[in-house]
């Protein structure tokens, strides 16, 4: 006889049980979330409102910023609100929905980063054919394919989890619903499901990371034939992409490319890829990119001028 699925809600352990520390975390993570939303919105508005940022790289960057806002919004508001309450609960349906959204946006972001690496490869290695290969239709279909890839990945993770029986306990040692903490609570043997999770999430992360590393090695090798000015510009752009790739893929590979086990470090690693990385992405892309900074200045001066009139 299979165990009955009688769990209607889950209780999060949260990041900390210390009441004073929770108050500090509430203020800190609220500021982090505001920076994520405002910083990424600034990137999107700047790209949409600037005529000089109409190349494919910035088209993809605007989608990356949009995904970062969505990705952090799946977990951060709930985390922030839970710092103010003693009992941190989420319904079973809400938990499964959160799991689906986390992997939808996380998977889509991985595919968008891979597309951005391909864009840089074409731009640097085949500059004369760049606008022909990376035309508007191709870029749009690449974004659509990234969303489809994220959706398929998320559906697999969700279906693997939702079919498991949960009969208690219902305390999740995390601050959001993810696969490994839920597998730990399932009232059945989850070995096969755990292997499938590694094959899905872990291998997608690792394969995409290897493809990205190989792409950037080829790009860096091809820069030897460029002028010193062109080399510096390409290196600056690639450095931003490589930094974001490492920040995204490092934690994901640590979490998902292993058997179905949980470590005490998992929550802090999750904070890194769900909150810290989306907060740092706008800074990384603007501080090292003169075109974006100049576009922001022009946009600001235009708004100031309109305000004076």
C-alpha atoms as a PDB file:
ATOM      1  CA  UNK A   1       0.000   0.000   0.000  1.00  0.00           C
ATOM      2  CA  UNK A   2       1.408   3.408  -1.030  1.00  0.00           C
ATOM      3  CA  UNK A   3       1.748   6.152   1.622  1.00  0.00           C
ATOM      4  CA  UNK A   4      -1.071   8.703   1.622  1.00  0.00           C
ATOM      5  CA  UNK A   5      -0.342  12.257   0.533  1.00  0.00           C
ATOM      6  CA  UNK A   6      -1.832  14.065   3.557  1.00  0.00           C
ATOM      7  CA  UNK A   7       0.429  17.129   3.696  1.00  0.00           C
ATOM      8  CA  UNK A   8      -1.507  20.319   2.884  1.00  0.00           C
ATOM      9  CA  UNK A   9       1.199  22.819   3.810  1.00  0.00           C
ATOM     10  CA  UNK A  10       4.932  23.047   4.427  1.00  0.00           C
ATOM     11  CA  UNK A  11       6.815  24.957   7.117  1.00  0.00           C
ATOM     12  CA  UNK A  12      10.064  26.695   6.187  1.00  0.00           C
ATOM     13  CA  UNK A  13      12.984  26.672   8.618  1.00  0.00           C
ATOM     14  CA  UNK A  14      14.141  29.969   7.089  1.00  0.00           C
ATOM     15  CA  UNK A  15      17.663  31.345   7.090  1.00  0.00           C
ATOM     16  CA  UNK A  16      17.925  31.793  10.860  1.00  0.00           C
ATOM     17  CA  UNK A  17      15.930  31.240  14.043  1.00  0.00           C
ATOM     18  CA  UNK A  18      17.513  34.208  15.861  1.00  0.00           C
ATOM     19  CA  UNK A  19      14.811  36.904  16.308  1.00  0.00           C
ATOM     20  CA  UNK A  20      17.232  39.866  16.377  1.00  0.00           C
ATOM     21  CA  UNK A  21      19.117  38.559  13.358  1.00  0.00           C
ATOM     22  CA  UNK A  22      15.816  38.119  11.501  1.00  0.00           C
ATOM     23  CA  UNK A  23      15.042  41.831  11.979  1.00  0.00           C
ATOM     24  CA  UNK A  24      18.460  42.742  10.571  1.00  0.00           C
ATOM     25  CA  UNK A  25      17.942  40.323   7.677  1.00  0.00           C
ATOM     26  CA  UNK A  26      14.519  41.846   6.957  1.00  0.00           C
ATOM     27  CA  UNK A  27      16.056  45.292   6.374  1.00  0.00           C
ATOM     28  CA  UNK A  28      19.082  43.897   4.521  1.00  0.00           C
ATOM     29  CA  UNK A  29      17.164  41.641   2.135  1.00  0.00           C
ATOM     30  CA  UNK A  30      14.506  44.289   1.520  1.00  0.00           C
ATOM     31  CA  UNK A  31      17.302  46.617   0.360  1.00  0.00           C
ATOM     32  CA  UNK A  32      18.771  43.813  -1.765  1.00  0.00           C
ATOM     33  CA  UNK A  33      15.409  43.205  -3.438  1.00  0.00           C
ATOM     34  CA  UNK A  34      14.875  46.916  -4.140  1.00  0.00           C
ATOM     35  CA  UNK A  35      18.340  47.086  -5.729  1.00  0.00           C
ATOM     36  CA  UNK A  36      17.529  44.019  -7.864  1.00  0.00           C
ATOM     37  CA  UNK A  37      14.253  45.464  -9.165  1.00  0.00           C
ATOM     38  CA  UNK A  38      15.457  49.051  -9.661  1.00  0.00           C
ATOM     39  CA  UNK A  39      18.866  48.078 -11.078  1.00  0.00           C
ATOM     40  CA  UNK A  40      17.497  45.630 -13.622  1.00  0.00           C
ATOM     41  CA  UNK A  41      14.606  47.952 -14.530  1.00  0.00           C
ATOM     42  CA  UNK A  42      17.181  50.677 -15.193  1.00  0.00           C
ATOM     43  CA  UNK A  43      19.007  48.342 -17.590  1.00  0.00           C
ATOM     44  CA  UNK A  44      15.747  47.478 -19.414  1.00  0.00           C
ATOM     45  CA  UNK A  45      14.586  51.115 -19.681  1.00  0.00           C
ATOM     46  CA  UNK A  46      18.049  52.243 -20.839  1.00  0.00           C
ATOM     47  CA  UNK A  47      18.213  49.609 -23.592  1.00  0.00           C
ATOM     48  CA  UNK A  48      14.645  50.252 -24.776  1.00  0.00           C
ATOM     49  CA  UNK A  49      15.071  54.037 -24.673  1.00  0.00           C
ATOM     50  CA  UNK A  50      18.519  54.243 -26.292  1.00  0.00           C
ATOM     51  CA  UNK A  51      19.033  54.119 -30.051  1.00  0.00           C
ATOM     52  CA  UNK A  52      22.722  53.250 -29.679  1.00  0.00           C
ATOM     53  CA  UNK A  53      21.973  50.048 -27.754  1.00  0.00           C
ATOM     54  CA  UNK A  54      20.058  48.279 -30.516  1.00  0.00           C
ATOM     55  CA  UNK A  55      22.508  45.442 -31.228  1.00  0.00           C
ATOM     56  CA  UNK A  56      21.665  41.805 -30.333  1.00  0.00           C
ATOM     57  CA  UNK A  57      23.909  41.787 -27.237  1.00  0.00           C
ATOM     58  CA  UNK A  58      21.759  44.422 -25.527  1.00  0.00           C
ATOM     59  CA  UNK A  59      18.567  42.781 -26.762  1.00  0.00           C
ATOM     60  CA  UNK A  60      19.594  39.640 -24.852  1.00  0.00           C
ATOM     61  CA  UNK A  61      20.800  41.684 -21.878  1.00  0.00           C
ATOM     62  CA  UNK A  62      17.355  43.291 -21.513  1.00  0.00           C
ATOM     63  CA  UNK A  63      15.789  39.822 -21.333  1.00  0.00           C
ATOM     64  CA  UNK A  64      18.416  38.702 -18.821  1.00  0.00           C
ATOM     65  CA  UNK A  65      17.512  41.681 -16.615  1.00  0.00           C
ATOM     66  CA  UNK A  66      13.797  40.887 -16.941  1.00  0.00           C
ATOM     67  CA  UNK A  67      14.428  37.258 -15.955  1.00  0.00           C
ATOM     68  CA  UNK A  68      16.542  38.378 -12.976  1.00  0.00           C
ATOM     69  CA  UNK A  69      13.621  40.457 -11.676  1.00  0.00           C
ATOM     70  CA  UNK A  70      11.200  37.540 -12.115  1.00  0.00           C
ATOM     71  CA  UNK A  71      13.622  34.981 -10.696  1.00  0.00           C
ATOM     72  CA  UNK A  72      14.317  36.886  -7.482  1.00  0.00           C
ATOM     73  CA  UNK A  73      10.620  37.831  -7.145  1.00  0.00           C
ATOM     74  CA  UNK A  74       9.681  34.149  -6.836  1.00  0.00           C
ATOM     75  CA  UNK A  75      11.636  33.748  -3.581  1.00  0.00           C
ATOM     76  CA  UNK A  76      12.683  37.145  -2.160  1.00  0.00           C
ATOM     77  CA  UNK A  77       9.259  38.641  -1.187  1.00  0.00           C
ATOM     78  CA  UNK A  78       8.284  35.456   0.669  1.00  0.00           C
ATOM     79  CA  UNK A  79      11.687  35.317   2.370  1.00  0.00           C
ATOM     80  CA  UNK A  80      11.435  38.974   3.434  1.00  0.00           C
ATOM     81  CA  UNK A  81       7.884  38.557   4.748  1.00  0.00           C
ATOM     82  CA  UNK A  82       8.864  35.409   6.671  1.00  0.00           C
ATOM     83  CA  UNK A  83      11.479  37.339   8.655  1.00  0.00           C
ATOM     84  CA  UNK A  84       8.538  39.073  10.399  1.00  0.00           C
ATOM     85  CA  UNK A  85       6.594  35.940  11.375  1.00  0.00           C
ATOM     86  CA  UNK A  86       7.379  33.066  13.698  1.00  0.00           C
ATOM     87  CA  UNK A  87       5.652  30.327  11.682  1.00  0.00           C
ATOM     88  CA  UNK A  88       6.767  30.380   8.048  1.00  0.00           C
ATOM     89  CA  UNK A  89       4.240  28.357   6.068  1.00  0.00           C
ATOM     90  CA  UNK A  90       3.363  27.778   2.439  1.00  0.00           C
ATOM     91  CA  UNK A  91       0.503  25.695   1.016  1.00  0.00           C
ATOM     92  CA  UNK A  92       1.266  22.502  -0.920  1.00  0.00           C
ATOM     93  CA  UNK A  93      -0.027  24.123  -4.130  1.00  0.00           C
ATOM     94  CA  UNK A  94       1.956  27.289  -3.451  1.00  0.00           C
ATOM     95  CA  UNK A  95       5.083  25.213  -2.852  1.00  0.00           C
ATOM     96  CA  UNK A  96       4.746  23.338  -6.143  1.00  0.00           C
ATOM     97  CA  UNK A  97       4.036  26.646  -7.965  1.00  0.00           C
ATOM     98  CA  UNK A  98       7.151  28.195  -6.419  1.00  0.00           C
ATOM     99  CA  UNK A  99       9.221  25.158  -7.418  1.00  0.00           C
ATOM    100  CA  UNK A 100       7.954  25.447 -11.003  1.00  0.00           C
ATOM    101  CA  UNK A 101       8.645  29.198 -11.245  1.00  0.00           C
ATOM    102  CA  UNK A 102      12.133  28.925  -9.718  1.00  0.00           C
ATOM    103  CA  UNK A 103      13.174  26.359 -12.311  1.00  0.00           C
ATOM    104  CA  UNK A 104      11.362  28.105 -15.163  1.00  0.00           C
ATOM    105  CA  UNK A 105      13.261  31.366 -14.664  1.00  0.00           C
ATOM    106  CA  UNK A 106      16.478  29.661 -13.559  1.00  0.00           C
ATOM    107  CA  UNK A 107      16.514  27.357 -16.588  1.00  0.00           C
ATOM    108  CA  UNK A 108      15.628  30.175 -18.983  1.00  0.00           C
ATOM    109  CA  UNK A 109      18.448  32.304 -17.563  1.00  0.00           C
ATOM    110  CA  UNK A 110      20.959  29.512 -18.184  1.00  0.00           C
ATOM    111  CA  UNK A 111      19.842  29.240 -21.819  1.00  0.00           C
ATOM    112  CA  UNK A 112      19.889  33.046 -22.282  1.00  0.00           C
ATOM    113  CA  UNK A 113      23.477  33.159 -20.978  1.00  0.00           C
ATOM    114  CA  UNK A 114      24.411  30.421 -23.458  1.00  0.00           C
ATOM    115  CA  UNK A 115      22.785  32.411 -26.281  1.00  0.00           C
ATOM    116  CA  UNK A 116      24.705  35.526 -25.186  1.00  0.00           C
ATOM    117  CA  UNK A 117      27.966  33.582 -25.404  1.00  0.00           C
ATOM    118  CA  UNK A 118      27.069  32.489 -28.949  1.00  0.00           C
ATOM    119  CA  UNK A 119      26.294  36.125 -29.794  1.00  0.00           C
ATOM    120  CA  UNK A 120      29.752  37.213 -28.582  1.00  0.00           C
ATOM    121  CA  UNK A 121      31.367  34.355 -30.520  1.00  0.00           C
ATOM    122  CA  UNK A 122      29.758  35.491 -33.785  1.00  0.00           C
ATOM    123  CA  UNK A 123      30.481  39.180 -33.082  1.00  0.00           C
ATOM    124  CA  UNK A 124      34.192  38.600 -32.447  1.00  0.00           C
ATOM    125  CA  UNK A 125      34.993  35.649 -34.703  1.00  0.00           C
ATOM    126  CA  UNK A 126      32.740  36.592 -37.666  1.00  0.00           C
ATOM    127  CA  UNK A 127      32.263  40.379 -37.413  1.00  0.00           C
ATOM    128  CA  UNK A 128      31.478  40.887 -41.123  1.00  0.00           C
ATOM    129  CA  UNK A 129      28.597  38.399 -41.001  1.00  0.00           C
ATOM    130  CA  UNK A 130      27.442  39.354 -37.501  1.00  0.00           C
ATOM    131  CA  UNK A 131      24.330  41.382 -38.385  1.00  0.00           C
ATOM    132  CA  UNK A 132      23.405  38.886 -41.119  1.00  0.00           C
ATOM    133  CA  UNK A 133      23.599  35.863 -38.817  1.00  0.00           C
ATOM    134  CA  UNK A 134      22.229  37.587 -35.705  1.00  0.00           C
ATOM    135  CA  UNK A 135      19.302  39.351 -37.355  1.00  0.00           C
ATOM    136  CA  UNK A 136      16.160  40.334 -35.443  1.00  0.00           C
ATOM    137  CA  UNK A 137      14.230  37.168 -36.313  1.00  0.00           C
ATOM    138  CA  UNK A 138      17.075  34.880 -35.253  1.00  0.00           C
ATOM    139  CA  UNK A 139      17.491  36.755 -31.949  1.00  0.00           C
ATOM    140  CA  UNK A 140      13.761  36.574 -31.246  1.00  0.00           C
ATOM    141  CA  UNK A 141      13.651  32.840 -31.934  1.00  0.00           C
ATOM    142  CA  UNK A 142      16.673  32.306 -29.682  1.00  0.00           C
ATOM    143  CA  UNK A 143      14.833  34.027 -26.828  1.00  0.00           C
ATOM    144  CA  UNK A 144      11.689  31.956 -27.532  1.00  0.00           C
ATOM    145  CA  UNK A 145      13.805  28.768 -27.578  1.00  0.00           C
ATOM    146  CA  UNK A 146      15.347  29.764 -24.226  1.00  0.00           C
ATOM    147  CA  UNK A 147      11.888  30.172 -22.676  1.00  0.00           C
ATOM    148  CA  UNK A 148      10.763  26.810 -24.133  1.00  0.00           C
ATOM    149  CA  UNK A 149      13.907  25.146 -22.780  1.00  0.00           C
ATOM    150  CA  UNK A 150      13.289  26.656 -19.341  1.00  0.00           C
ATOM    151  CA  UNK A 151       9.639  25.559 -19.434  1.00  0.00           C
ATOM    152  CA  UNK A 152      10.460  21.964 -20.400  1.00  0.00           C
ATOM    153  CA  UNK A 153      13.176  21.765 -17.732  1.00  0.00           C
ATOM    154  CA  UNK A 154      10.815  23.164 -15.090  1.00  0.00           C
ATOM    155  CA  UNK A 155       7.957  20.835 -16.071  1.00  0.00           C
ATOM    156  CA  UNK A 156      10.233  17.811 -15.674  1.00  0.00           C
ATOM    157  CA  UNK A 157      11.383  18.953 -12.203  1.00  0.00           C
ATOM    158  CA  UNK A 158       7.823  19.713 -11.116  1.00  0.00           C
ATOM    159  CA  UNK A 159       6.306  16.455 -12.405  1.00  0.00           C
ATOM    160  CA  UNK A 160       9.075  14.433 -10.762  1.00  0.00           C
ATOM    161  CA  UNK A 161       8.265  16.092  -7.428  1.00  0.00           C
ATOM    162  CA  UNK A 162       4.466  16.396  -7.493  1.00  0.00           C
ATOM    163  CA  UNK A 163       3.933  12.663  -8.026  1.00  0.00           C
ATOM    164  CA  UNK A 164       5.766  11.841  -4.766  1.00  0.00           C
ATOM    165  CA  UNK A 165       3.747  11.064  -1.596  1.00  0.00           C
ATOM    166  CA  UNK A 166       4.214  13.472   1.352  1.00  0.00           C
ATOM    167  CA  UNK A 167       2.788  12.093   4.596  1.00  0.00           C
ATOM    168  CA  UNK A 168       4.870  14.043   7.127  1.00  0.00           C
ATOM    169  CA  UNK A 169       6.978  15.587   8.507  1.00  0.00           C
ATOM    170  CA  UNK A 170       6.377  18.816   6.603  1.00  0.00           C
ATOM    171  CA  UNK A 171       9.264  21.026   7.781  1.00  0.00           C
ATOM    172  CA  UNK A 172      11.519  22.161   4.922  1.00  0.00           C
ATOM    173  CA  UNK A 173      15.053  23.083   5.981  1.00  0.00           C
ATOM    174  CA  UNK A 174      15.167  25.929   3.480  1.00  0.00           C
ATOM    175  CA  UNK A 175      13.558  29.305   2.735  1.00  0.00           C
ATOM    176  CA  UNK A 176      11.842  28.241  -0.512  1.00  0.00           C
ATOM    177  CA  UNK A 177      10.585  25.067  -2.171  1.00  0.00           C
ATOM    178  CA  UNK A 178      13.262  23.264  -4.156  1.00  0.00           C
ATOM    179  CA  UNK A 179      13.690  19.709  -5.335  1.00  0.00           C
ATOM    180  CA  UNK A 180      16.301  18.332  -2.914  1.00  0.00           C
ATOM    181  CA  UNK A 181      14.620  19.537   0.323  1.00  0.00           C
ATOM    182  CA  UNK A 182      11.274  18.155  -0.916  1.00  0.00           C
ATOM    183  CA  UNK A 183      12.776  14.793  -1.888  1.00  0.00           C
ATOM    184  CA  UNK A 184      14.072  14.565   1.670  1.00  0.00           C
ATOM    185  CA  UNK A 185      10.464  14.775   2.970  1.00  0.00           C
ATOM    186  CA  UNK A 186       8.924  12.268   0.560  1.00  0.00           C
ATOM    187  CA  UNK A 187       7.507   9.075   2.127  1.00  0.00           C
ATOM    188  CA  UNK A 188       9.100   6.778  -0.433  1.00  0.00           C
ATOM    189  CA  UNK A 189      12.443   5.826  -1.925  1.00  0.00           C
ATOM    190  CA  UNK A 190      13.598   8.792  -4.016  1.00  0.00           C
ATOM    191  CA  UNK A 191      16.853   7.337  -5.383  1.00  0.00           C
ATOM    192  CA  UNK A 192      15.633   7.042  -8.989  1.00  0.00           C
ATOM    193  CA  UNK A 193      13.952  10.469  -8.855  1.00  0.00           C
ATOM    194  CA  UNK A 194      17.168  11.928  -7.440  1.00  0.00           C
ATOM    195  CA  UNK A 195      19.164  10.501 -10.365  1.00  0.00           C
ATOM    196  CA  UNK A 196      16.631  12.011 -12.799  1.00  0.00           C
ATOM    197  CA  UNK A 197      16.922  15.393 -11.066  1.00  0.00           C
ATOM    198  CA  UNK A 198      20.721  15.271 -11.460  1.00  0.00           C
ATOM    199  CA  UNK A 199      20.300  14.271 -15.118  1.00  0.00           C
ATOM    200  CA  UNK A 200      17.917  17.192 -15.662  1.00  0.00           C
ATOM    201  CA  UNK A 201      19.195  20.142 -13.616  1.00  0.00           C
ATOM    202  CA  UNK A 202      22.783  19.068 -13.007  1.00  0.00           C
ATOM    203  CA  UNK A 203      23.624  18.026 -16.548  1.00  0.00           C
ATOM    204  CA  UNK A 204      21.933  21.074 -18.071  1.00  0.00           C
ATOM    205  CA  UNK A 205      24.036  23.316 -15.817  1.00  0.00           C
ATOM    206  CA  UNK A 206      27.266  21.391 -16.436  1.00  0.00           C
ATOM    207  CA  UNK A 207      26.768  20.993 -20.209  1.00  0.00           C
ATOM    208  CA  UNK A 208      25.873  24.674 -20.657  1.00  0.00           C
ATOM    209  CA  UNK A 209      28.855  25.683 -18.515  1.00  0.00           C
ATOM    210  CA  UNK A 210      31.260  23.532 -20.576  1.00  0.00           C
ATOM    211  CA  UNK A 211      29.832  24.971 -23.825  1.00  0.00           C
ATOM    212  CA  UNK A 212      30.270  28.493 -22.447  1.00  0.00           C
ATOM    213  CA  UNK A 213      33.853  27.854 -21.305  1.00  0.00           C
ATOM    214  CA  UNK A 214      34.803  26.371 -24.693  1.00  0.00           C
ATOM    215  CA  UNK A 215      33.131  29.323 -26.471  1.00  0.00           C
ATOM    216  CA  UNK A 216      35.063  31.882 -24.455  1.00  0.00           C
ATOM    217  CA  UNK A 217      38.358  29.997 -24.917  1.00  0.00           C
ATOM    218  CA  UNK A 218      37.805  30.145 -28.700  1.00  0.00           C
ATOM    219  CA  UNK A 219      36.854  33.833 -28.455  1.00  0.00           C
ATOM    220  CA  UNK A 220      39.929  34.721 -26.377  1.00  0.00           C
ATOM    221  CA  UNK A 221      42.186  32.758 -28.735  1.00  0.00           C
ATOM    222  CA  UNK A 222      40.764  34.613 -31.756  1.00  0.00           C
ATOM    223  CA  UNK A 223      41.491  38.015 -30.190  1.00  0.00           C
ATOM    224  CA  UNK A 224      45.184  37.674 -31.054  1.00  0.00           C
ATOM    225  CA  UNK A 225      44.374  38.736 -34.621  1.00  0.00           C
ATOM    226  CA  UNK A 226      42.543  41.902 -33.488  1.00  0.00           C
ATOM    227  CA  UNK A 227      43.984  45.371 -32.945  1.00  0.00           C
ATOM    228  CA  UNK A 228      44.913  46.337 -29.376  1.00  0.00           C
ATOM    229  CA  UNK A 229      41.890  48.681 -29.140  1.00  0.00           C
ATOM    230  CA  UNK A 230      39.487  46.045 -30.474  1.00  0.00           C
ATOM    231  CA  UNK A 231      41.074  43.451 -28.213  1.00  0.00           C
ATOM    232  CA  UNK A 232      40.557  45.594 -25.097  1.00  0.00           C
ATOM    233  CA  UNK A 233      36.924  46.319 -25.981  1.00  0.00           C
ATOM    234  CA  UNK A 234      36.191  42.639 -26.631  1.00  0.00           C
ATOM    235  CA  UNK A 235      37.988  41.604 -23.424  1.00  0.00           C
ATOM    236  CA  UNK A 236      35.952  44.105 -21.400  1.00  0.00           C
ATOM    237  CA  UNK A 237      32.675  42.751 -22.790  1.00  0.00           C
ATOM    238  CA  UNK A 238      33.729  39.115 -22.391  1.00  0.00           C
ATOM    239  CA  UNK A 239      34.960  39.732 -18.844  1.00  0.00           C
ATOM    240  CA  UNK A 240      31.452  40.873 -17.852  1.00  0.00           C
ATOM    241  CA  UNK A 241      29.873  37.788 -19.416  1.00  0.00           C
ATOM    242  CA  UNK A 242      32.413  35.398 -17.887  1.00  0.00           C
ATOM    243  CA  UNK A 243      31.906  36.929 -14.426  1.00  0.00           C
ATOM    244  CA  UNK A 244      28.122  36.523 -14.666  1.00  0.00           C
ATOM    245  CA  UNK A 245      28.491  32.952 -15.982  1.00  0.00           C
ATOM    246  CA  UNK A 246      30.706  31.953 -13.042  1.00  0.00           C
ATOM    247  CA  UNK A 247      28.357  33.608 -10.525  1.00  0.00           C
ATOM    248  CA  UNK A 248      25.348  31.791 -12.021  1.00  0.00           C
ATOM    249  CA  UNK A 249      26.755  28.375 -12.818  1.00  0.00           C
ATOM    250  CA  UNK A 250      29.053  27.827  -9.829  1.00  0.00           C
ATOM    251  CA  UNK A 251      26.242  27.652  -7.218  1.00  0.00           C
ATOM    252  CA  UNK A 252      23.868  25.781  -9.579  1.00  0.00           C
ATOM    253  CA  UNK A 253      26.430  23.052 -10.273  1.00  0.00           C
ATOM    254  CA  UNK A 254      27.155  22.773  -6.509  1.00  0.00           C
ATOM    255  CA  UNK A 255      23.450  22.367  -5.682  1.00  0.00           C
ATOM    256  CA  UNK A 256      22.170  20.202  -8.536  1.00  0.00           C
ATOM    257  CA  UNK A 257      25.103  18.116  -9.793  1.00  0.00           C
ATOM    258  CA  UNK A 258      25.085  15.704  -6.855  1.00  0.00           C
ATOM    259  CA  UNK A 259      22.860  12.955  -5.389  1.00  0.00           C
ATOM    260  CA  UNK A 260      19.671  13.894  -3.559  1.00  0.00           C
ATOM    261  CA  UNK A 261      21.282  15.176  -0.368  1.00  0.00           C
ATOM    262  CA  UNK A 262      21.100  18.482   1.486  1.00  0.00           C
ATOM    263  CA  UNK A 263      23.937  20.333   3.219  1.00  0.00           C
ATOM    264  CA  UNK A 264      23.846  23.141   5.779  1.00  0.00           C
ATOM    265  CA  UNK A 265      25.565  25.386   3.228  1.00  0.00           C
ATOM    266  CA  UNK A 266      22.762  24.962   0.670  1.00  0.00           C
ATOM    267  CA  UNK A 267      20.684  27.872   1.986  1.00  0.00           C
ATOM    268  CA  UNK A 268      23.550  30.359   1.751  1.00  0.00           C
ATOM    269  CA  UNK A 269      24.473  29.091  -1.722  1.00  0.00           C
ATOM    270  CA  UNK A 270      20.803  29.496  -2.732  1.00  0.00           C
ATOM    271  CA  UNK A 271      20.818  33.090  -1.425  1.00  0.00           C
ATOM    272  CA  UNK A 272      23.772  33.688  -3.711  1.00  0.00           C
ATOM    273  CA  UNK A 273      22.096  32.557  -6.946  1.00  0.00           C
ATOM    274  CA  UNK A 274      18.542  33.743  -6.178  1.00  0.00           C
ATOM    275  CA  UNK A 275      19.344  37.181  -4.703  1.00  0.00           C
ATOM    276  CA  UNK A 276      23.026  38.186  -4.787  1.00  0.00           C
ATOM    277  CA  UNK A 277      23.684  37.320  -8.440  1.00  0.00           C
ATOM    278  CA  UNK A 278      20.554  39.113  -9.806  1.00  0.00           C
ATOM    279  CA  UNK A 279      21.608  42.123  -7.724  1.00  0.00           C
ATOM    280  CA  UNK A 280      25.193  42.099  -9.051  1.00  0.00           C
ATOM    281  CA  UNK A 281      24.358  41.545 -12.737  1.00  0.00           C
ATOM    282  CA  UNK A 282      23.360  45.189 -13.468  1.00  0.00           C
ATOM    283  CA  UNK A 283      26.517  46.445 -11.713  1.00  0.00           C
ATOM    284  CA  UNK A 284      28.741  44.035 -13.653  1.00  0.00           C
ATOM    285  CA  UNK A 285      27.254  44.980 -17.019  1.00  0.00           C
ATOM    286  CA  UNK A 286      27.266  48.738 -16.389  1.00  0.00           C
ATOM    287  CA  UNK A 287      30.557  49.303 -14.550  1.00  0.00           C
ATOM    288  CA  UNK A 288      32.576  47.606 -17.297  1.00  0.00           C
ATOM    289  CA  UNK A 289      30.539  48.881 -20.264  1.00  0.00           C
ATOM    290  CA  UNK A 290      31.032  52.453 -21.461  1.00  0.00           C
ATOM    291  CA  UNK A 291      28.214  52.196 -24.016  1.00  0.00           C
ATOM    292  CA  UNK A 292      25.650  51.389 -21.326  1.00  0.00           C
ATOM    293  CA  UNK A 293      26.977  54.108 -18.992  1.00  0.00           C
ATOM    294  CA  UNK A 294      26.888  56.703 -21.772  1.00  0.00           C
ATOM    295  CA  UNK A 295      23.350  55.644 -22.727  1.00  0.00           C
ATOM    296  CA  UNK A 296      22.267  56.015 -19.089  1.00  0.00           C
ATOM    297  CA  UNK A 297      23.790  59.509 -18.924  1.00  0.00           C
ATOM    298  CA  UNK A 298      22.014  60.543 -22.144  1.00  0.00           C
ATOM    299  CA  UNK A 299      18.721  59.103 -20.903  1.00  0.00           C
ATOM    300  CA  UNK A 300      19.107  60.921 -17.582  1.00  0.00           C
ATOM    301  CA  UNK A 301      20.029  64.233 -19.217  1.00  0.00           C
ATOM    302  CA  UNK A 302      17.057  63.876 -21.594  1.00  0.00           C
ATOM    303  CA  UNK A 303      14.677  63.373 -18.647  1.00  0.00           C
ATOM    304  CA  UNK A 304      16.221  66.295 -16.754  1.00  0.00           C
ATOM    305  CA  UNK A 305      15.802  68.515 -19.823  1.00  0.00           C
ATOM    306  CA  UNK A 306      12.170  67.455 -20.227  1.00  0.00           C
ATOM    307  CA  UNK A 307      11.628  68.086 -16.507  1.00  0.00           C
ATOM    308  CA  UNK A 308      13.001  71.642 -16.794  1.00  0.00           C
ATOM    309  CA  UNK A 309      10.756  72.390 -19.754  1.00  0.00           C
END
